[in-house]
Amino acid sequence: MEQIKKLSLEGNAMPSSDLAKKIAELIDEKKGKEIMIVDLKGKTVIADYFVLASAKSTVAVRALADYVDEKLSKDFGLEPRGRDIDPKWAAIDYGCVILHIFHEETREFYKLERLWDDGDNITRI
């Protein structure tokens, strides 16, 4: 699962670690909060990485999800395998990387990063 199948602008396959970093950068550009990259390799077959972020409003949750989706599609030709958008939680599945954007209250309730934290697999942006 380490490399996504689509091509980057340079014509090379983009490693999942680079995709996770790019998604985190895009979220940061639009003022997402508490951005984390969780390395899941060897822990699950779900994905190589989760990118987690918080937003202050339900409108911001949707706007961040749409921004990442649009930028990856336009700049890299990447389309998600699935999108699940709820007012307080958005999940976008890029296969090897899954983006989760939470309303702050929802993030605090689920604490998804706590489920996967083994002490050295989380990068905070």
PDB file of N, CA and C in Angstrom:
ATOM      1  N   MET A   1       0.815  -1.188   0.000  1.00  0.00           N
ATOM      2  CA  MET A   1       0.000   0.000   0.000  1.00  0.00           C
ATOM      3  C   MET A   1       0.861   1.254   0.000  1.00  0.00           C
ATOM      4  N   GLU A   2       2.148   1.141   0.063  1.00  0.00           N
ATOM      5  CA  GLU A   2       3.049   2.286   0.233  1.00  0.00           C
ATOM      6  C   GLU A   2       2.919   3.331  -0.857  1.00  0.00           C
ATOM      7  N   GLN A   3       2.600   2.943  -2.094  1.00  0.00           N
ATOM      8  CA  GLN A   3       2.485   3.942  -3.148  1.00  0.00           C
ATOM      9  C   GLN A   3       1.066   3.970  -3.683  1.00  0.00           C
ATOM     10  N   ILE A   4       0.578   5.187  -3.915  1.00  0.00           N
ATOM     11  CA  ILE A   4      -0.732   5.312  -4.528  1.00  0.00           C
ATOM     12  C   ILE A   4      -0.576   5.081  -6.017  1.00  0.00           C
ATOM     13  N   LYS A   5      -1.635   4.713  -6.678  1.00  0.00           N
ATOM     14  CA  LYS A   5      -1.573   4.328  -8.084  1.00  0.00           C
ATOM     15  C   LYS A   5      -1.526   5.528  -9.023  1.00  0.00           C
ATOM     16  N   LYS A   6      -2.092   6.635  -8.628  1.00  0.00           N
ATOM     17  CA  LYS A   6      -2.111   7.808  -9.499  1.00  0.00           C
ATOM     18  C   LYS A   6      -0.723   8.422  -9.584  1.00  0.00           C
ATOM     19  N   LEU A   7      -0.523   9.259 -10.566  1.00  0.00           N
ATOM     20  CA  LEU A   7       0.775   9.879 -10.778  1.00  0.00           C
ATOM     21  C   LEU A   7       0.792  11.308 -10.275  1.00  0.00           C
ATOM     22  N   SER A   8       1.938  11.728  -9.803  1.00  0.00           N
ATOM     23  CA  SER A   8       2.119  13.130  -9.435  1.00  0.00           C
ATOM     24  C   SER A   8       2.371  13.921 -10.704  1.00  0.00           C
ATOM     25  N   LEU A   9       2.472  15.237 -10.576  1.00  0.00           N
ATOM     26  CA  LEU A   9       2.729  16.083 -11.736  1.00  0.00           C
ATOM     27  C   LEU A   9       4.037  15.731 -12.415  1.00  0.00           C
ATOM     28  N   GLU A  10       5.012  15.232 -11.684  1.00  0.00           N
ATOM     29  CA  GLU A  10       6.304  14.862 -12.246  1.00  0.00           C
ATOM     30  C   GLU A  10       6.265  13.498 -12.925  1.00  0.00           C
ATOM     31  N   GLY A  11       5.146  12.793 -12.867  1.00  0.00           N
ATOM     32  CA  GLY A  11       5.032  11.501 -13.516  1.00  0.00           C
ATOM     33  C   GLY A  11       5.499  10.334 -12.663  1.00  0.00           C
ATOM     34  N   ASN A  12       5.828  10.563 -11.416  1.00  0.00           N
ATOM     35  CA  ASN A  12       6.275   9.495 -10.515  1.00  0.00           C
ATOM     36  C   ASN A  12       5.160   9.153  -9.543  1.00  0.00           C
ATOM     37  N   ALA A  13       5.096   7.891  -9.131  1.00  0.00           N
ATOM     38  CA  ALA A  13       4.127   7.506  -8.113  1.00  0.00           C
ATOM     39  C   ALA A  13       4.469   8.220  -6.815  1.00  0.00           C
ATOM     40  N   MET A  14       3.461   8.693  -6.133  1.00  0.00           N
ATOM     41  CA  MET A  14       3.665   9.435  -4.891  1.00  0.00           C
ATOM     42  C   MET A  14       3.585   8.478  -3.711  1.00  0.00           C
ATOM     43  N   PRO A  15       4.634   8.365  -2.914  1.00  0.00           N
ATOM     44  CA  PRO A  15       4.572   7.511  -1.726  1.00  0.00           C
ATOM     45  C   PRO A  15       3.474   7.992  -0.768  1.00  0.00           C
ATOM     46  N   SER A  16       2.901   7.057  -0.045  1.00  0.00           N
ATOM     47  CA  SER A  16       1.824   7.406   0.884  1.00  0.00           C
ATOM     48  C   SER A  16       2.284   8.413   1.929  1.00  0.00           C
ATOM     49  N   SER A  17       3.545   8.353   2.341  1.00  0.00           N
ATOM     50  CA  SER A  17       4.044   9.323   3.325  1.00  0.00           C
ATOM     51  C   SER A  17       4.023  10.734   2.746  1.00  0.00           C
ATOM     52  N   ASP A  18       4.356  10.881   1.470  1.00  0.00           N
ATOM     53  CA  ASP A  18       4.309  12.196   0.825  1.00  0.00           C
ATOM     54  C   ASP A  18       2.875  12.689   0.675  1.00  0.00           C
ATOM     55  N   LEU A  19       1.966  11.780   0.363  1.00  0.00           N
ATOM     56  CA  LEU A  19       0.562  12.161   0.254  1.00  0.00           C
ATOM     57  C   LEU A  19       0.036  12.636   1.605  1.00  0.00           C
ATOM     58  N   ALA A  20       0.371  11.922   2.675  1.00  0.00           N
ATOM     59  CA  ALA A  20      -0.067  12.339   4.014  1.00  0.00           C
ATOM     60  C   ALA A  20       0.458  13.730   4.345  1.00  0.00           C
ATOM     61  N   LYS A  21       1.728  13.984   4.028  1.00  0.00           N
ATOM     62  CA  LYS A  21       2.315  15.310   4.287  1.00  0.00           C
ATOM     63  C   LYS A  21       1.633  16.387   3.451  1.00  0.00           C
ATOM     64  N   LYS A  22       1.334  16.076   2.193  1.00  0.00           N
ATOM     65  CA  LYS A  22       0.673  17.052   1.321  1.00  0.00           C
ATOM     66  C   LYS A  22      -0.714  17.385   1.843  1.00  0.00           C
ATOM     67  N   ILE A  23      -1.446  16.387   2.265  1.00  0.00           N
ATOM     68  CA  ILE A  23      -2.781  16.622   2.821  1.00  0.00           C
ATOM     69  C   ILE A  23      -2.684  17.502   4.065  1.00  0.00           C
ATOM     70  N   ALA A  24      -1.729  17.210   4.940  1.00  0.00           N
ATOM     71  CA  ALA A  24      -1.539  18.019   6.146  1.00  0.00           C
ATOM     72  C   ALA A  24      -1.201  19.465   5.781  1.00  0.00           C
ATOM     73  N   GLU A  25      -0.358  19.655   4.775  1.00  0.00           N
ATOM     74  CA  GLU A  25      -0.015  21.014   4.330  1.00  0.00           C
ATOM     75  C   GLU A  25      -1.243  21.762   3.819  1.00  0.00           C
ATOM     76  N   LEU A  26      -2.084  21.070   3.048  1.00  0.00           N
ATOM     77  CA  LEU A  26      -3.290  21.704   2.521  1.00  0.00           C
ATOM     78  C   LEU A  26      -4.236  22.113   3.643  1.00  0.00           C
ATOM     79  N   ILE A  27      -4.385  21.256   4.628  1.00  0.00           N
ATOM     80  CA  ILE A  27      -5.229  21.576   5.780  1.00  0.00           C
ATOM     81  C   ILE A  27      -4.655  22.779   6.528  1.00  0.00           C
ATOM     82  N   ASP A  28      -3.350  22.800   6.702  1.00  0.00           N
ATOM     83  CA  ASP A  28      -2.691  23.906   7.392  1.00  0.00           C
ATOM     84  C   ASP A  28      -2.873  25.225   6.634  1.00  0.00           C
ATOM     85  N   GLU A  29      -2.803  25.179   5.309  1.00  0.00           N
ATOM     86  CA  GLU A  29      -3.012  26.381   4.485  1.00  0.00           C
ATOM     87  C   GLU A  29      -4.351  27.034   4.780  1.00  0.00           C
ATOM     88  N   LYS A  30      -5.351  26.229   5.030  1.00  0.00           N
ATOM     89  CA  LYS A  30      -6.712  26.728   5.270  1.00  0.00           C
ATOM     90  C   LYS A  30      -7.055  26.829   6.754  1.00  0.00           C
ATOM     91  N   LYS A  31      -6.032  26.849   7.580  1.00  0.00           N
ATOM     92  CA  LYS A  31      -6.188  27.094   9.020  1.00  0.00           C
ATOM     93  C   LYS A  31      -6.902  25.983   9.769  1.00  0.00           C
ATOM     94  N   GLY A  32      -6.717  24.734   9.341  1.00  0.00           N
ATOM     95  CA  GLY A  32      -7.193  23.619  10.132  1.00  0.00           C
ATOM     96  C   GLY A  32      -6.427  23.588  11.456  1.00  0.00           C
ATOM     97  N   LYS A  33      -6.984  23.011  12.468  1.00  0.00           N
ATOM     98  CA  LYS A  33      -6.392  22.984  13.814  1.00  0.00           C
ATOM     99  C   LYS A  33      -5.951  21.575  14.187  1.00  0.00           C
ATOM    100  N   GLU A  34      -5.017  21.494  15.116  1.00  0.00           N
ATOM    101  CA  GLU A  34      -4.571  20.220  15.700  1.00  0.00           C
ATOM    102  C   GLU A  34      -4.312  19.149  14.633  1.00  0.00           C
ATOM    103  N   ILE A  35      -3.521  19.468  13.652  1.00  0.00           N
ATOM    104  CA  ILE A  35      -3.245  18.557  12.545  1.00  0.00           C
ATOM    105  C   ILE A  35      -2.219  17.514  12.983  1.00  0.00           C
ATOM    106  N   MET A  36      -2.540  16.268  12.702  1.00  0.00           N
ATOM    107  CA  MET A  36      -1.648  15.151  13.045  1.00  0.00           C
ATOM    108  C   MET A  36      -1.590  14.167  11.898  1.00  0.00           C
ATOM    109  N   ILE A  37      -0.413  13.596  11.714  1.00  0.00           N
ATOM    110  CA  ILE A  37      -0.249  12.476  10.794  1.00  0.00           C
ATOM    111  C   ILE A  37       0.044  11.258  11.664  1.00  0.00           C
ATOM    112  N   VAL A  38      -0.786  10.243  11.532  1.00  0.00           N
ATOM    113  CA  VAL A  38      -0.628   9.014  12.317  1.00  0.00           C
ATOM    114  C   VAL A  38      -0.139   7.913  11.372  1.00  0.00           C
ATOM    115  N   ASP A  39       1.049   7.400  11.640  1.00  0.00           N
ATOM    116  CA  ASP A  39       1.641   6.315  10.850  1.00  0.00           C
ATOM    117  C   ASP A  39       1.018   4.998  11.318  1.00  0.00           C
ATOM    118  N   LEU A  40       0.306   4.350  10.421  1.00  0.00           N
ATOM    119  CA  LEU A  40      -0.392   3.108  10.758  1.00  0.00           C
ATOM    120  C   LEU A  40       0.278   1.875  10.177  1.00  0.00           C
ATOM    121  N   LYS A  41       1.369   2.047   9.454  1.00  0.00           N
ATOM    122  CA  LYS A  41       2.017   0.906   8.809  1.00  0.00           C
ATOM    123  C   LYS A  41       2.356  -0.169   9.850  1.00  0.00           C
ATOM    124  N   GLY A  42       1.973  -1.395   9.552  1.00  0.00           N
ATOM    125  CA  GLY A  42       2.231  -2.508  10.456  1.00  0.00           C
ATOM    126  C   GLY A  42       1.222  -2.636  11.577  1.00  0.00           C
ATOM    127  N   LYS A  43       0.265  -1.702  11.642  1.00  0.00           N
ATOM    128  CA  LYS A  43      -0.739  -1.734  12.718  1.00  0.00           C
ATOM    129  C   LYS A  43      -2.126  -2.132  12.215  1.00  0.00           C
ATOM    130  N   THR A  44      -2.378  -1.889  10.916  1.00  0.00           N
ATOM    131  CA  THR A  44      -3.677  -2.185  10.338  1.00  0.00           C
ATOM    132  C   THR A  44      -3.560  -2.270   8.824  1.00  0.00           C
ATOM    133  N   VAL A  45      -4.520  -2.914   8.195  1.00  0.00           N
ATOM    134  CA  VAL A  45      -4.562  -2.954   6.737  1.00  0.00           C
ATOM    135  C   VAL A  45      -5.464  -1.850   6.183  1.00  0.00           C
ATOM    136  N   ILE A  46      -6.048  -1.071   7.044  1.00  0.00           N
ATOM    137  CA  ILE A  46      -6.968  -0.008   6.632  1.00  0.00           C
ATOM    138  C   ILE A  46      -6.268   1.006   5.739  1.00  0.00           C
ATOM    139  N   ALA A  47      -5.103   1.472   6.166  1.00  0.00           N
ATOM    140  CA  ALA A  47      -4.360   2.516   5.449  1.00  0.00           C
ATOM    141  C   ALA A  47      -2.954   2.574   6.020  1.00  0.00           C
ATOM    142  N   ASP A  48      -2.073   3.271   5.315  1.00  0.00           N
ATOM    143  CA  ASP A  48      -0.722   3.512   5.829  1.00  0.00           C
ATOM    144  C   ASP A  48      -0.712   4.678   6.810  1.00  0.00           C
ATOM    145  N   TYR A  49      -1.588   5.672   6.555  1.00  0.00           N
ATOM    146  CA  TYR A  49      -1.620   6.877   7.387  1.00  0.00           C
ATOM    147  C   TYR A  49      -3.039   7.384   7.564  1.00  0.00           C
ATOM    148  N   PHE A  50      -3.288   7.977   8.730  1.00  0.00           N
ATOM    149  CA  PHE A  50      -4.437   8.842   8.959  1.00  0.00           C
ATOM    150  C   PHE A  50      -3.891  10.258   9.040  1.00  0.00           C
ATOM    151  N   VAL A  51      -4.594  11.191   8.468  1.00  0.00           N
ATOM    152  CA  VAL A  51      -4.341  12.605   8.728  1.00  0.00           C
ATOM    153  C   VAL A  51      -5.565  13.090   9.477  1.00  0.00           C
ATOM    154  N   LEU A  52      -5.345  13.638  10.674  1.00  0.00           N
ATOM    155  CA  LEU A  52      -6.431  14.115  11.527  1.00  0.00           C
ATOM    156  C   LEU A  52      -6.331  15.621  11.661  1.00  0.00           C
ATOM    157  N   ALA A  53      -7.483  16.279  11.660  1.00  0.00           N
ATOM    158  CA  ALA A  53      -7.509  17.729  11.847  1.00  0.00           C
ATOM    159  C   ALA A  53      -8.834  18.127  12.475  1.00  0.00           C
ATOM    160  N   SER A  54      -8.826  19.299  13.095  1.00  0.00           N
ATOM    161  CA  SER A  54     -10.028  19.839  13.708  1.00  0.00           C
ATOM    162  C   SER A  54     -10.433  21.128  13.012  1.00  0.00           C
ATOM    163  N   ALA A  55     -11.719  21.430  13.111  1.00  0.00           N
ATOM    164  CA  ALA A  55     -12.268  22.678  12.580  1.00  0.00           C
ATOM    165  C   ALA A  55     -13.223  23.264  13.614  1.00  0.00           C
ATOM    166  N   LYS A  56     -13.346  24.577  13.617  1.00  0.00           N
ATOM    167  CA  LYS A  56     -14.148  25.242  14.636  1.00  0.00           C
ATOM    168  C   LYS A  56     -15.646  25.224  14.367  1.00  0.00           C
ATOM    169  N   SER A  57     -16.057  24.915  13.143  1.00  0.00           N
ATOM    170  CA  SER A  57     -17.483  24.926  12.816  1.00  0.00           C
ATOM    171  C   SER A  57     -17.802  23.817  11.822  1.00  0.00           C
ATOM    172  N   THR A  58     -19.087  23.530  11.684  1.00  0.00           N
ATOM    173  CA  THR A  58     -19.502  22.528  10.711  1.00  0.00           C
ATOM    174  C   THR A  58     -19.240  23.018   9.285  1.00  0.00           C
ATOM    175  N   VAL A  59     -19.362  24.297   9.055  1.00  0.00           N
ATOM    176  CA  VAL A  59     -19.048  24.862   7.731  1.00  0.00           C
ATOM    177  C   VAL A  59     -17.570  24.663   7.420  1.00  0.00           C
ATOM    178  N   ALA A  60     -16.716  24.862   8.411  1.00  0.00           N
ATOM    179  CA  ALA A  60     -15.268  24.697   8.217  1.00  0.00           C
ATOM    180  C   ALA A  60     -14.905  23.237   7.955  1.00  0.00           C
ATOM    181  N   VAL A  61     -15.597  22.293   8.581  1.00  0.00           N
ATOM    182  CA  VAL A  61     -15.350  20.871   8.328  1.00  0.00           C
ATOM    183  C   VAL A  61     -15.557  20.592   6.840  1.00  0.00           C
ATOM    184  N   ARG A  62     -16.665  21.032   6.323  1.00  0.00           N
ATOM    185  CA  ARG A  62     -16.997  20.810   4.903  1.00  0.00           C
ATOM    186  C   ARG A  62     -16.021  21.540   3.986  1.00  0.00           C
ATOM    187  N   ALA A  63     -15.702  22.791   4.331  1.00  0.00           N
ATOM    188  CA  ALA A  63     -14.809  23.597   3.491  1.00  0.00           C
ATOM    189  C   ALA A  63     -13.412  22.980   3.410  1.00  0.00           C
ATOM    190  N   LEU A  64     -12.885  22.502   4.524  1.00  0.00           N
ATOM    191  CA  LEU A  64     -11.567  21.861   4.521  1.00  0.00           C
ATOM    192  C   LEU A  64     -11.578  20.586   3.678  1.00  0.00           C
ATOM    193  N   ALA A  65     -12.599  19.776   3.833  1.00  0.00           N
ATOM    194  CA  ALA A  65     -12.708  18.537   3.057  1.00  0.00           C
ATOM    195  C   ALA A  65     -12.779  18.845   1.565  1.00  0.00           C
ATOM    196  N   ASP A  66     -13.601  19.809   1.199  1.00  0.00           N
ATOM    197  CA  ASP A  66     -13.744  20.169  -0.207  1.00  0.00           C
ATOM    198  C   ASP A  66     -12.450  20.742  -0.771  1.00  0.00           C
ATOM    199  N   TYR A  67     -11.741  21.550   0.016  1.00  0.00           N
ATOM    200  CA  TYR A  67     -10.493  22.147  -0.439  1.00  0.00           C
ATOM    201  C   TYR A  67      -9.444  21.076  -0.747  1.00  0.00           C
ATOM    202  N   VAL A  68      -9.258  20.148   0.175  1.00  0.00           N
ATOM    203  CA  VAL A  68      -8.279  19.073  -0.037  1.00  0.00           C
ATOM    204  C   VAL A  68      -8.669  18.246  -1.260  1.00  0.00           C
ATOM    205  N   ASP A  69      -9.923  17.885  -1.353  1.00  0.00           N
ATOM    206  CA  ASP A  69     -10.408  17.087  -2.474  1.00  0.00           C
ATOM    207  C   ASP A  69     -10.148  17.804  -3.803  1.00  0.00           C
ATOM    208  N   GLU A  70     -10.484  19.068  -3.873  1.00  0.00           N
ATOM    209  CA  GLU A  70     -10.308  19.842  -5.101  1.00  0.00           C
ATOM    210  C   GLU A  70      -8.830  20.006  -5.469  1.00  0.00           C
ATOM    211  N   LYS A  71      -7.986  20.318  -4.499  1.00  0.00           N
ATOM    212  CA  LYS A  71      -6.559  20.533  -4.770  1.00  0.00           C
ATOM    213  C   LYS A  71      -5.881  19.248  -5.233  1.00  0.00           C
ATOM    214  N   LEU A  72      -6.155  18.134  -4.575  1.00  0.00           N
ATOM    215  CA  LEU A  72      -5.526  16.879  -4.975  1.00  0.00           C
ATOM    216  C   LEU A  72      -6.005  16.434  -6.352  1.00  0.00           C
ATOM    217  N   SER A  73      -7.270  16.686  -6.646  1.00  0.00           N
ATOM    218  CA  SER A  73      -7.799  16.344  -7.952  1.00  0.00           C
ATOM    219  C   SER A  73      -7.163  17.211  -9.042  1.00  0.00           C
ATOM    220  N   LYS A  74      -7.146  18.502  -8.821  1.00  0.00           N
ATOM    221  CA  LYS A  74      -6.623  19.441  -9.821  1.00  0.00           C
ATOM    222  C   LYS A  74      -5.110  19.318  -9.997  1.00  0.00           C
ATOM    223  N   ASP A  75      -4.373  19.294  -8.895  1.00  0.00           N
ATOM    224  CA  ASP A  75      -2.911  19.336  -8.961  1.00  0.00           C
ATOM    225  C   ASP A  75      -2.256  17.982  -9.214  1.00  0.00           C
ATOM    226  N   PHE A  76      -2.899  16.891  -8.804  1.00  0.00           N
ATOM    227  CA  PHE A  76      -2.266  15.576  -8.899  1.00  0.00           C
ATOM    228  C   PHE A  76      -3.124  14.513  -9.589  1.00  0.00           C
ATOM    229  N   GLY A  77      -4.333  14.868  -9.958  1.00  0.00           N
ATOM    230  CA  GLY A  77      -5.210  13.889 -10.580  1.00  0.00           C
ATOM    231  C   GLY A  77      -5.671  12.806  -9.631  1.00  0.00           C
ATOM    232  N   LEU A  78      -5.645  13.087  -8.339  1.00  0.00           N
ATOM    233  CA  LEU A  78      -6.040  12.093  -7.323  1.00  0.00           C
ATOM    234  C   LEU A  78      -7.519  12.251  -6.970  1.00  0.00           C
ATOM    235  N   GLU A  79      -8.231  11.172  -7.060  1.00  0.00           N
ATOM    236  CA  GLU A  79      -9.638  11.151  -6.683  1.00  0.00           C
ATOM    237  C   GLU A  79      -9.803  10.197  -5.514  1.00  0.00           C
ATOM    238  N   PRO A  80     -10.609  10.569  -4.540  1.00  0.00           N
ATOM    239  CA  PRO A  80     -10.789   9.674  -3.384  1.00  0.00           C
ATOM    240  C   PRO A  80     -11.560   8.418  -3.756  1.00  0.00           C
ATOM    241  N   ARG A  81     -11.271   7.358  -3.025  1.00  0.00           N
ATOM    242  CA  ARG A  81     -12.037   6.116  -3.178  1.00  0.00           C
ATOM    243  C   ARG A  81     -13.409   6.270  -2.553  1.00  0.00           C
ATOM    244  N   GLY A  82     -13.486   7.133  -1.555  1.00  0.00           N
ATOM    245  CA  GLY A  82     -14.747   7.369  -0.880  1.00  0.00           C
ATOM    246  C   GLY A  82     -14.711   8.652  -0.093  1.00  0.00           C
ATOM    247  N   ARG A  83     -15.892   9.238   0.087  1.00  0.00           N
ATOM    248  CA  ARG A  83     -16.056  10.458   0.884  1.00  0.00           C
ATOM    249  C   ARG A  83     -17.270  10.247   1.773  1.00  0.00           C
ATOM    250  N   ASP A  84     -17.109  10.526   3.038  1.00  0.00           N
ATOM    251  CA  ASP A  84     -18.230  10.469   3.971  1.00  0.00           C
ATOM    252  C   ASP A  84     -18.233  11.799   4.711  1.00  0.00           C
ATOM    253  N   ILE A  85     -19.162  12.663   4.350  1.00  0.00           N
ATOM    254  CA  ILE A  85     -19.201  14.010   4.913  1.00  0.00           C
ATOM    255  C   ILE A  85     -20.436  14.142   5.793  1.00  0.00           C
ATOM    256  N   ASP A  86     -20.198  14.398   7.043  1.00  0.00           N
ATOM    257  CA  ASP A  86     -21.227  14.647   8.040  1.00  0.00           C
ATOM    258  C   ASP A  86     -20.967  16.067   8.543  1.00  0.00           C
ATOM    259  N   PRO A  87     -21.942  16.773   9.067  1.00  0.00           N
ATOM    260  CA  PRO A  87     -21.644  18.134   9.533  1.00  0.00           C
ATOM    261  C   PRO A  87     -20.498  18.226  10.544  1.00  0.00           C
ATOM    262  N   LYS A  88     -20.303  17.196  11.357  1.00  0.00           N
ATOM    263  CA  LYS A  88     -19.275  17.273  12.393  1.00  0.00           C
ATOM    264  C   LYS A  88     -18.082  16.348  12.179  1.00  0.00           C
ATOM    265  N   TRP A  89     -18.067  15.605  11.057  1.00  0.00           N
ATOM    266  CA  TRP A  89     -16.943  14.701  10.791  1.00  0.00           C
ATOM    267  C   TRP A  89     -16.903  14.384   9.300  1.00  0.00           C
ATOM    268  N   ALA A  90     -15.771  14.619   8.694  1.00  0.00           N
ATOM    269  CA  ALA A  90     -15.580  14.268   7.286  1.00  0.00           C
ATOM    270  C   ALA A  90     -14.460  13.247   7.199  1.00  0.00           C
ATOM    271  N   ALA A  91     -14.671  12.223   6.403  1.00  0.00           N
ATOM    272  CA  ALA A  91     -13.635  11.223   6.151  1.00  0.00           C
ATOM    273  C   ALA A  91     -13.496  11.087   4.645  1.00  0.00           C
ATOM    274  N   ILE A  92     -12.258  11.246   4.171  1.00  0.00           N
ATOM    275  CA  ILE A  92     -11.976  11.089   2.748  1.00  0.00           C
ATOM    276  C   ILE A  92     -10.907  10.013   2.614  1.00  0.00           C
ATOM    277  N   ASP A  93     -11.222   8.983   1.859  1.00  0.00           N
ATOM    278  CA  ASP A  93     -10.361   7.811   1.726  1.00  0.00           C
ATOM    279  C   ASP A  93      -9.582   7.875   0.422  1.00  0.00           C
ATOM    280  N   TYR A  94      -8.263   8.014   0.534  1.00  0.00           N
ATOM    281  CA  TYR A  94      -7.379   7.973  -0.629  1.00  0.00           C
ATOM    282  C   TYR A  94      -6.650   6.625  -0.716  1.00  0.00           C
ATOM    283  N   GLY A  95      -7.210   5.608  -0.096  1.00  0.00           N
ATOM    284  CA  GLY A  95      -6.614   4.275  -0.133  1.00  0.00           C
ATOM    285  C   GLY A  95      -5.533   4.113   0.907  1.00  0.00           C
ATOM    286  N   CYS A  96      -4.370   4.627   0.638  1.00  0.00           N
ATOM    287  CA  CYS A  96      -3.251   4.490   1.567  1.00  0.00           C
ATOM    288  C   CYS A  96      -3.262   5.571   2.653  1.00  0.00           C
ATOM    289  N   VAL A  97      -4.049   6.625   2.438  1.00  0.00           N
ATOM    290  CA  VAL A  97      -4.169   7.710   3.413  1.00  0.00           C
ATOM    291  C   VAL A  97      -5.649   8.044   3.569  1.00  0.00           C
ATOM    292  N   ILE A  98      -6.092   8.126   4.818  1.00  0.00           N
ATOM    293  CA  ILE A  98      -7.465   8.523   5.098  1.00  0.00           C
ATOM    294  C   ILE A  98      -7.431   9.817   5.896  1.00  0.00           C
ATOM    295  N   LEU A  99      -8.115  10.820   5.375  1.00  0.00           N
ATOM    296  CA  LEU A  99      -8.218  12.121   6.030  1.00  0.00           C
ATOM    297  C   LEU A  99      -9.476  12.156   6.884  1.00  0.00           C
ATOM    298  N   HIS A 100      -9.312  12.573   8.142  1.00  0.00           N
ATOM    299  CA  HIS A 100     -10.440  12.778   9.052  1.00  0.00           C
ATOM    300  C   HIS A 100     -10.415  14.236   9.501  1.00  0.00           C
ATOM    301  N   ILE A 101     -11.511  14.937   9.263  1.00  0.00           N
ATOM    302  CA  ILE A 101     -11.643  16.315   9.738  1.00  0.00           C
ATOM    303  C   ILE A 101     -12.833  16.335  10.687  1.00  0.00           C
ATOM    304  N   PHE A 102     -12.566  16.769  11.906  1.00  0.00           N
ATOM    305  CA  PHE A 102     -13.584  16.751  12.958  1.00  0.00           C
ATOM    306  C   PHE A 102     -13.957  18.161  13.387  1.00  0.00           C
ATOM    307  N   HIS A 103     -15.216  18.345  13.740  1.00  0.00           N
ATOM    308  CA  HIS A 103     -15.596  19.506  14.535  1.00  0.00           C
ATOM    309  C   HIS A 103     -14.890  19.316  15.875  1.00  0.00           C
ATOM    310  N   GLU A 104     -14.450  20.380  16.499  1.00  0.00           N
ATOM    311  CA  GLU A 104     -13.645  20.267  17.729  1.00  0.00           C
ATOM    312  C   GLU A 104     -14.281  19.372  18.785  1.00  0.00           C
ATOM    313  N   GLU A 105     -15.600  19.507  19.003  1.00  0.00           N
ATOM    314  CA  GLU A 105     -16.277  18.697  20.026  1.00  0.00           C
ATOM    315  C   GLU A 105     -16.268  17.212  19.661  1.00  0.00           C
ATOM    316  N   THR A 106     -16.441  16.919  18.400  1.00  0.00           N
ATOM    317  CA  THR A 106     -16.451  15.536  17.942  1.00  0.00           C
ATOM    318  C   THR A 106     -15.060  14.923  18.087  1.00  0.00           C
ATOM    319  N   ARG A 107     -14.045  15.701  17.767  1.00  0.00           N
ATOM    320  CA  ARG A 107     -12.659  15.221  17.909  1.00  0.00           C
ATOM    321  C   ARG A 107     -12.374  14.881  19.365  1.00  0.00           C
ATOM    322  N   GLU A 108     -12.800  15.732  20.257  1.00  0.00           N
ATOM    323  CA  GLU A 108     -12.566  15.503  21.692  1.00  0.00           C
ATOM    324  C   GLU A 108     -13.307  14.245  22.157  1.00  0.00           C
ATOM    325  N   PHE A 109     -14.499  14.013  21.649  1.00  0.00           N
ATOM    326  CA  PHE A 109     -15.285  12.860  22.055  1.00  0.00           C
ATOM    327  C   PHE A 109     -14.654  11.546  21.589  1.00  0.00           C
ATOM    328  N   TYR A 110     -14.278  11.470  20.310  1.00  0.00           N
ATOM    329  CA  TYR A 110     -13.762  10.211  19.757  1.00  0.00           C
ATOM    330  C   TYR A 110     -12.280   9.969  20.033  1.00  0.00           C
ATOM    331  N   LYS A 111     -11.486  11.003  20.084  1.00  0.00           N
ATOM    332  CA  LYS A 111     -10.043  10.885  20.339  1.00  0.00           C
ATOM    333  C   LYS A 111      -9.416   9.758  19.515  1.00  0.00           C
ATOM    334  N   LEU A 112      -9.651   9.807  18.230  1.00  0.00           N
ATOM    335  CA  LEU A 112      -9.192   8.754  17.331  1.00  0.00           C
ATOM    336  C   LEU A 112      -7.688   8.528  17.404  1.00  0.00           C
ATOM    337  N   GLU A 113      -6.929   9.603  17.568  1.00  0.00           N
ATOM    338  CA  GLU A 113      -5.477   9.458  17.634  1.00  0.00           C
ATOM    339  C   GLU A 113      -5.035   8.612  18.833  1.00  0.00           C
ATOM    340  N   ARG A 114      -5.785   8.643  19.902  1.00  0.00           N
ATOM    341  CA  ARG A 114      -5.458   7.852  21.085  1.00  0.00           C
ATOM    342  C   ARG A 114      -5.509   6.362  20.797  1.00  0.00           C
ATOM    343  N   LEU A 115      -6.379   5.949  19.904  1.00  0.00           N
ATOM    344  CA  LEU A 115      -6.527   4.532  19.573  1.00  0.00           C
ATOM    345  C   LEU A 115      -5.301   3.970  18.850  1.00  0.00           C
ATOM    346  N   TRP A 116      -4.564   4.852  18.147  1.00  0.00           N
ATOM    347  CA  TRP A 116      -3.461   4.395  17.311  1.00  0.00           C
ATOM    348  C   TRP A 116      -2.097   4.846  17.796  1.00  0.00           C
ATOM    349  N   ASP A 117      -2.039   5.594  18.866  1.00  0.00           N
ATOM    350  CA  ASP A 117      -0.774   6.154  19.374  1.00  0.00           C
ATOM    351  C   ASP A 117       0.040   5.076  20.069  1.00  0.00           C
ATOM    352  N   ASP A 118       1.264   4.848  19.563  1.00  0.00           N
ATOM    353  CA  ASP A 118       2.156   3.922  20.267  1.00  0.00           C
ATOM    354  C   ASP A 118       3.410   4.652  20.764  1.00  0.00           C
ATOM    355  N   GLY A 119       3.360   5.974  20.760  1.00  0.00           N
ATOM    356  CA  GLY A 119       4.445   6.752  21.325  1.00  0.00           C
ATOM    357  C   GLY A 119       5.378   7.403  20.318  1.00  0.00           C
ATOM    358  N   ASP A 120       5.522   6.808  19.137  1.00  0.00           N
ATOM    359  CA  ASP A 120       6.446   7.399  18.173  1.00  0.00           C
ATOM    360  C   ASP A 120       5.890   7.424  16.754  1.00  0.00           C
ATOM    361  N   ASN A 121       4.611   7.222  16.594  1.00  0.00           N
ATOM    362  CA  ASN A 121       4.042   7.162  15.254  1.00  0.00           C
ATOM    363  C   ASN A 121       3.153   8.366  14.902  1.00  0.00           C
ATOM    364  N   ILE A 122       3.175   9.412  15.729  1.00  0.00           N
ATOM    365  CA  ILE A 122       2.344  10.589  15.471  1.00  0.00           C
ATOM    366  C   ILE A 122       3.224  11.797  15.232  1.00  0.00           C
ATOM    367  N   THR A 123       2.939  12.485  14.128  1.00  0.00           N
ATOM    368  CA  THR A 123       3.616  13.732  13.816  1.00  0.00           C
ATOM    369  C   THR A 123       2.594  14.854  13.918  1.00  0.00           C
ATOM    370  N   ARG A 124       2.898  15.839  14.727  1.00  0.00           N
ATOM    371  CA  ARG A 124       2.006  16.991  14.883  1.00  0.00           C
ATOM    372  C   ARG A 124       2.480  18.109  13.966  1.00  0.00           C
ATOM    373  N   ILE A 125       1.545  18.704  13.276  1.00  0.00           N
ATOM    374  CA  ILE A 125       1.856  19.779  12.334  1.00  0.00           C
ATOM    375  C   ILE A 125       1.533  21.125  12.980  1.00  0.00           C
TER     376      ILE A 125
END
